[in-house]
Amino acid sequence: MLQIKNLKASINKKQILNDLNLDIKNGEVHAIMGPNGSGKSTLANILSGKSGYNISGKINYQGIIIFQAFRDNEGVEIFKSQFEWFKKQINI
């Protein structure tokens, strides 16, 4: 249902998430827990499409790529984002 691969996030040159991987299958319930500053809110903000973060990695929702950032063979960064579609799907 929701799959996150190698998600990295930073803001103002401060690394917050580094290679986060998460796989939530249909019907599962997960809680994101951790100490202050561990990236819980950052993850929620990224999933809701909040701007201002430098992110890379891949996010899939029900088999649809919500976000993907990578470098092609020539070193050009390529981004694919469907956060607006995702927000409508989960009623944010």
C-alpha atoms as a PDB file:
ATOM      1  CA  MET A   1       0.000   0.000   0.000  1.00  0.00           C
ATOM      2  CA  LEU A   2       2.656   2.566   1.040  1.00  0.00           C
ATOM      3  CA  GLN A   3       6.280   1.951   0.216  1.00  0.00           C
ATOM      4  CA  ILE A   4       9.172   4.319   0.875  1.00  0.00           C
ATOM      5  CA  LYS A   5      12.638   3.550  -0.468  1.00  0.00           C
ATOM      6  CA  ASN A   6      15.881   5.348   0.400  1.00  0.00           C
ATOM      7  CA  LEU A   7      14.133   8.567   1.433  1.00  0.00           C
ATOM      8  CA  LYS A   8      16.524  11.364   2.326  1.00  0.00           C
ATOM      9  CA  ALA A   9      15.372  14.770   3.499  1.00  0.00           C
ATOM     10  CA  SER A  10      17.143  17.918   4.534  1.00  0.00           C
ATOM     11  CA  ILE A  11      16.217  21.503   5.200  1.00  0.00           C
ATOM     12  CA  ASN A  12      18.616  24.431   5.369  1.00  0.00           C
ATOM     13  CA  LYS A  13      21.494  21.985   4.707  1.00  0.00           C
ATOM     14  CA  LYS A  14      20.583  19.957   7.836  1.00  0.00           C
ATOM     15  CA  GLN A  15      20.059  16.244   7.115  1.00  0.00           C
ATOM     16  CA  ILE A  16      16.904  14.993   8.851  1.00  0.00           C
ATOM     17  CA  LEU A  17      16.072  11.675   7.169  1.00  0.00           C
ATOM     18  CA  ASN A  18      18.792   9.456   5.762  1.00  0.00           C
ATOM     19  CA  ASP A  19      17.871   6.400   3.663  1.00  0.00           C
ATOM     20  CA  LEU A  20      14.493   5.763   5.331  1.00  0.00           C
ATOM     21  CA  ASN A  21      12.806   2.575   4.128  1.00  0.00           C
ATOM     22  CA  LEU A  22       9.239   1.662   5.056  1.00  0.00           C
ATOM     23  CA  ASP A  23       6.768  -0.857   3.662  1.00  0.00           C
ATOM     24  CA  ILE A  24       3.180  -0.755   4.933  1.00  0.00           C
ATOM     25  CA  LYS A  25       0.914  -3.401   3.475  1.00  0.00           C
ATOM     26  CA  ASN A  26      -2.839  -3.059   3.013  1.00  0.00           C
ATOM     27  CA  GLY A  27      -4.653  -3.492   6.336  1.00  0.00           C
ATOM     28  CA  GLU A  28      -1.585  -2.869   8.496  1.00  0.00           C
ATOM     29  CA  VAL A  29      -1.435  -0.139  11.103  1.00  0.00           C
ATOM     30  CA  HIS A  30       1.900   1.425  12.045  1.00  0.00           C
ATOM     31  CA  ALA A  31       2.949   4.020  14.584  1.00  0.00           C
ATOM     32  CA  ILE A  32       5.931   6.271  13.914  1.00  0.00           C
ATOM     33  CA  MET A  33       7.699   6.850  17.223  1.00  0.00           C
ATOM     34  CA  GLY A  34      10.994   8.357  18.264  1.00  0.00           C
ATOM     35  CA  PRO A  35      12.663  11.132  20.215  1.00  0.00           C
ATOM     36  CA  ASN A  36      12.341  14.808  19.387  1.00  0.00           C
ATOM     37  CA  GLY A  37      14.274  15.672  16.243  1.00  0.00           C
ATOM     38  CA  SER A  38      14.249  12.153  14.801  1.00  0.00           C
ATOM     39  CA  GLY A  39      12.199  13.092  11.709  1.00  0.00           C
ATOM     40  CA  LYS A  40       8.619  12.067  12.536  1.00  0.00           C
ATOM     41  CA  SER A  41       7.122  15.438  11.600  1.00  0.00           C
ATOM     42  CA  THR A  42       9.418  15.723   8.604  1.00  0.00           C
ATOM     43  CA  LEU A  43       8.093  12.430   7.257  1.00  0.00           C
ATOM     44  CA  ALA A  44       4.493  13.557   7.788  1.00  0.00           C
ATOM     45  CA  ASN A  45       5.226  16.900   6.122  1.00  0.00           C
ATOM     46  CA  ILE A  46       6.830  15.237   3.120  1.00  0.00           C
ATOM     47  CA  LEU A  47       3.923  12.804   2.707  1.00  0.00           C
ATOM     48  CA  SER A  48       1.487  15.713   2.828  1.00  0.00           C
ATOM     49  CA  GLY A  49       3.435  17.520   0.096  1.00  0.00           C
ATOM     50  CA  LYS A  50       4.769  20.389   2.179  1.00  0.00           C
ATOM     51  CA  SER A  51       7.407  22.331   0.289  1.00  0.00           C
ATOM     52  CA  GLY A  52      10.767  23.531   1.549  1.00  0.00           C
ATOM     53  CA  TYR A  53      12.498  20.174   1.951  1.00  0.00           C
ATOM     54  CA  ASN A  54      15.275  18.837  -0.254  1.00  0.00           C
ATOM     55  CA  ILE A  55      14.238  15.226  -0.757  1.00  0.00           C
ATOM     56  CA  SER A  56      15.393  12.229  -2.725  1.00  0.00           C
ATOM     57  CA  GLY A  57      14.232   8.639  -2.884  1.00  0.00           C
ATOM     58  CA  LYS A  58      11.002   6.988  -3.947  1.00  0.00           C
ATOM     59  CA  ILE A  59       7.484   6.910  -2.479  1.00  0.00           C
ATOM     60  CA  ASN A  60       4.792   4.584  -3.849  1.00  0.00           C
ATOM     61  CA  TYR A  61       1.147   4.515  -2.820  1.00  0.00           C
ATOM     62  CA  GLN A  62      -0.929   1.565  -4.037  1.00  0.00           C
ATOM     63  CA  GLY A  63       1.597   0.929  -6.815  1.00  0.00           C
ATOM     64  CA  ILE A  64       1.587   4.533  -8.063  1.00  0.00           C
ATOM     65  CA  ILE A  65       4.793   6.566  -7.809  1.00  0.00           C
ATOM     66  CA  ILE A  66       3.980   9.572  -5.635  1.00  0.00           C
ATOM     67  CA  PHE A  67       7.514  10.893  -5.601  1.00  0.00           C
ATOM     68  CA  GLN A  68      10.745   9.815  -7.189  1.00  0.00           C
ATOM     69  CA  ALA A  69      14.059  11.618  -7.439  1.00  0.00           C
ATOM     70  CA  PHE A  70      17.161  10.183  -9.023  1.00  0.00           C
ATOM     71  CA  ARG A  71      20.046  11.019 -11.329  1.00  0.00           C
ATOM     72  CA  ASP A  72      20.057   9.755 -14.901  1.00  0.00           C
ATOM     73  CA  ASN A  73      23.141   8.367 -16.666  1.00  0.00           C
ATOM     74  CA  GLU A  74      24.349  11.891 -17.423  1.00  0.00           C
ATOM     75  CA  GLY A  75      24.001  13.095 -13.828  1.00  0.00           C
ATOM     76  CA  VAL A  76      20.826  15.092 -14.434  1.00  0.00           C
ATOM     77  CA  GLU A  77      18.396  15.090 -11.515  1.00  0.00           C
ATOM     78  CA  ILE A  78      14.938  13.841 -12.465  1.00  0.00           C
ATOM     79  CA  PHE A  79      11.889  14.394 -10.285  1.00  0.00           C
ATOM     80  CA  LYS A  80       8.440  12.907 -10.522  1.00  0.00           C
ATOM     81  CA  SER A  81       5.852  14.159  -8.072  1.00  0.00           C
ATOM     82  CA  GLN A  82       2.154  13.439  -7.661  1.00  0.00           C
ATOM     83  CA  PHE A  83       1.680  14.795  -4.152  1.00  0.00           C
ATOM     84  CA  GLU A  84      -1.493  16.664  -5.152  1.00  0.00           C
ATOM     85  CA  TRP A  85      -3.086  13.439  -6.418  1.00  0.00           C
ATOM     86  CA  PHE A  86      -1.967  11.610  -3.267  1.00  0.00           C
ATOM     87  CA  LYS A  87      -3.457  14.270  -0.979  1.00  0.00           C
ATOM     88  CA  LYS A  88      -6.830  13.883  -2.729  1.00  0.00           C
ATOM     89  CA  GLN A  89      -6.676  10.095  -2.324  1.00  0.00           C
ATOM     90  CA  ILE A  90      -6.204  10.263   1.429  1.00  0.00           C
ATOM     91  CA  ASN A  91      -8.340  13.395   1.949  1.00  0.00           C
ATOM     92  CA  ILE A  92      -5.658  15.756   3.258  1.00  0.00           C
END
